[in-house]
Amino acid sequence: MIERIDTKKRMSRILKHNGVAYLCGQVGEGATVAEQTRDCLSRVDSLLEKAGSDRKHILQAIVWLADMSDFAEMNEVWDAWVPDGFAPARACGEAKLARDVLKVEIIVTAAVNQSDLPEAHK
């Protein structure tokens, strides 16, 4: 069964299937990459909660930076956000983002808490 949450014409903010939650790419507000990363990760937290998951259940994260020279600044925020011992598989690359003011976009895939699954999928 596929469950779509906050679905619009173009995309769903969350898609759940077989115990995995796929989040749409998240961006944040702020003047610096650190500010945008903090805001972005706060949005990820909210979506994970809505999906029945949390930071400790992230399987994979894909980070897009508008400029790889911001890598260390983004990582400082990221490292403080990820719980010790729960680092997901992660990739980071440089990309032209949807708007010129955006400096970072993060895409997350996470395991859903098993209690949220239908009995047939546990």
Protein backbone atom coordinates (compact mmCIF):
# COMPACT_ATOMS: atom_id res chain seq x y z
CA MET A 1 0.00 0.00 0.00
CA ILE A 2 1.23 3.49 -0.86
CA GLU A 3 0.19 6.36 1.41
CA ARG A 4 0.63 9.92 0.16
CA ILE A 5 0.55 12.76 2.70
CA ASP A 6 0.12 16.46 1.85
CA THR A 7 -0.33 15.70 -1.83
CA LYS A 8 -0.64 18.50 -4.36
CA LYS A 9 -0.74 18.33 -8.15
CA ARG A 10 3.06 18.31 -8.51
CA MET A 11 4.20 16.20 -5.55
CA SER A 12 3.51 14.73 -2.14
CA ARG A 13 5.46 16.10 0.82
CA ILE A 14 5.61 12.54 2.24
CA LEU A 15 5.15 9.16 0.60
CA LYS A 16 5.06 6.01 2.72
CA HIS A 17 5.48 2.50 1.33
CA ASN A 18 6.49 -0.80 2.94
CA GLY A 19 7.75 0.78 6.14
CA VAL A 20 9.73 3.56 4.47
CA ALA A 21 8.94 7.28 4.35
CA TYR A 22 10.22 9.33 1.42
CA LEU A 23 10.28 13.08 2.02
CA CYS A 24 10.24 15.67 -0.72
CA GLY A 25 13.27 17.94 -0.86
CA GLN A 26 13.38 20.50 1.94
CA VAL A 27 14.85 23.98 1.78
CA GLY A 28 15.10 26.61 4.48
CA GLU A 29 15.06 30.32 5.02
CA GLY A 30 17.97 32.51 6.10
CA ALA A 31 20.87 34.50 4.75
CA THR A 32 23.62 31.93 5.38
CA VAL A 33 23.98 28.26 4.57
CA ALA A 34 24.01 27.52 8.33
CA GLU A 35 20.69 29.35 8.85
CA GLN A 36 19.11 27.65 5.84
CA THR A 37 20.41 24.24 6.93
CA ARG A 38 19.01 24.66 10.47
CA ASP A 39 15.61 25.71 9.09
CA CYS A 40 15.64 22.92 6.52
CA LEU A 41 16.42 20.29 9.16
CA SER A 42 13.67 21.66 11.38
CA ARG A 43 11.26 21.08 8.48
CA VAL A 44 12.65 17.56 8.06
CA ASP A 45 11.97 16.93 11.77
CA SER A 46 8.35 18.04 11.33
CA LEU A 47 7.81 15.83 8.29
CA LEU A 48 9.47 12.84 9.95
CA GLU A 49 7.15 13.21 12.94
CA LYS A 50 4.14 13.44 10.62
CA ALA A 51 5.35 10.28 8.85
CA GLY A 52 5.76 8.36 12.12
CA SER A 53 9.56 8.47 12.14
CA ASP A 54 12.45 10.50 13.56
CA ARG A 55 16.14 11.35 13.09
CA LYS A 56 17.27 7.99 14.45
CA HIS A 57 15.43 6.20 11.64
CA ILE A 58 16.86 8.11 8.66
CA LEU A 59 18.19 5.64 6.13
CA GLN A 60 19.56 8.03 3.53
CA ALA A 61 20.01 11.75 3.03
CA ILE A 62 20.94 13.56 -0.16
CA VAL A 63 22.25 17.08 0.32
CA TRP A 64 22.43 19.56 -2.55
CA LEU A 65 24.49 22.70 -2.08
CA ALA A 66 24.40 25.65 -4.46
CA ASP A 67 28.13 26.04 -3.81
CA MET A 68 30.42 23.28 -2.48
CA SER A 69 32.49 25.93 -0.72
CA ASP A 70 29.63 25.88 1.86
CA PHE A 71 30.26 22.18 2.63
CA ALA A 72 32.00 22.73 6.00
CA GLU A 73 29.40 25.25 7.21
CA MET A 74 26.52 22.92 6.30
CA ASN A 75 28.31 19.95 7.92
CA GLU A 76 28.71 21.83 11.20
CA VAL A 77 24.92 22.18 11.46
CA TRP A 78 24.31 18.66 10.13
CA ASP A 79 26.73 17.05 12.60
CA ALA A 80 25.04 18.78 15.55
CA TRP A 81 21.61 17.63 14.32
CA VAL A 82 22.30 13.93 13.67
CA PRO A 83 22.13 11.86 16.88
CA ASP A 84 25.42 10.17 17.81
CA GLY A 85 25.56 6.66 16.40
CA PHE A 86 22.67 7.22 13.95
CA ALA A 87 24.36 8.76 10.90
CA PRO A 88 22.51 7.73 7.74
CA ALA A 89 24.00 6.92 4.37
CA ARG A 90 24.55 10.35 2.84
CA ALA A 91 25.62 11.99 -0.39
CA CYS A 92 26.35 15.66 -1.00
CA GLY A 93 26.78 17.43 -4.29
CA GLU A 94 26.58 20.81 -5.94
CA ALA A 95 23.51 21.74 -7.97
CA LYS A 96 21.67 24.77 -9.29
CA LEU A 97 18.72 24.98 -6.92
CA ALA A 98 15.19 26.13 -7.80
CA ARG A 99 15.70 29.75 -6.66
CA ASP A 100 18.88 31.83 -6.57
CA VAL A 101 18.51 32.59 -2.84
CA LEU A 102 18.58 28.88 -1.92
CA LYS A 103 21.88 27.53 -0.65
CA VAL A 104 20.92 24.00 0.47
CA GLU A 105 18.27 21.35 -0.20
CA ILE A 106 18.02 18.05 1.66
CA ILE A 107 16.12 14.93 0.62
CA VAL A 108 15.52 12.27 3.29
CA THR A 109 14.37 8.65 3.28
CA ALA A 110 13.54 7.10 6.67
CA ALA A 111 12.22 3.92 8.20
CA VAL A 112 8.74 4.29 9.67
CA ASN A 113 8.09 3.13 13.22
CA GLN A 114 6.79 -0.43 12.95
CA SER A 115 3.73 0.34 15.10
CA ASP A 116 2.48 2.56 12.25
CA LEU A 117 2.49 -0.30 9.73
CA PRO A 118 -0.54 -2.42 8.91
CA GLU A 119 -0.24 -5.87 10.54
CA ALA A 120 0.40 -7.54 7.16
CA HIS A 121 3.59 -5.47 6.67
CA LYS A 122 5.24 -6.00 10.08
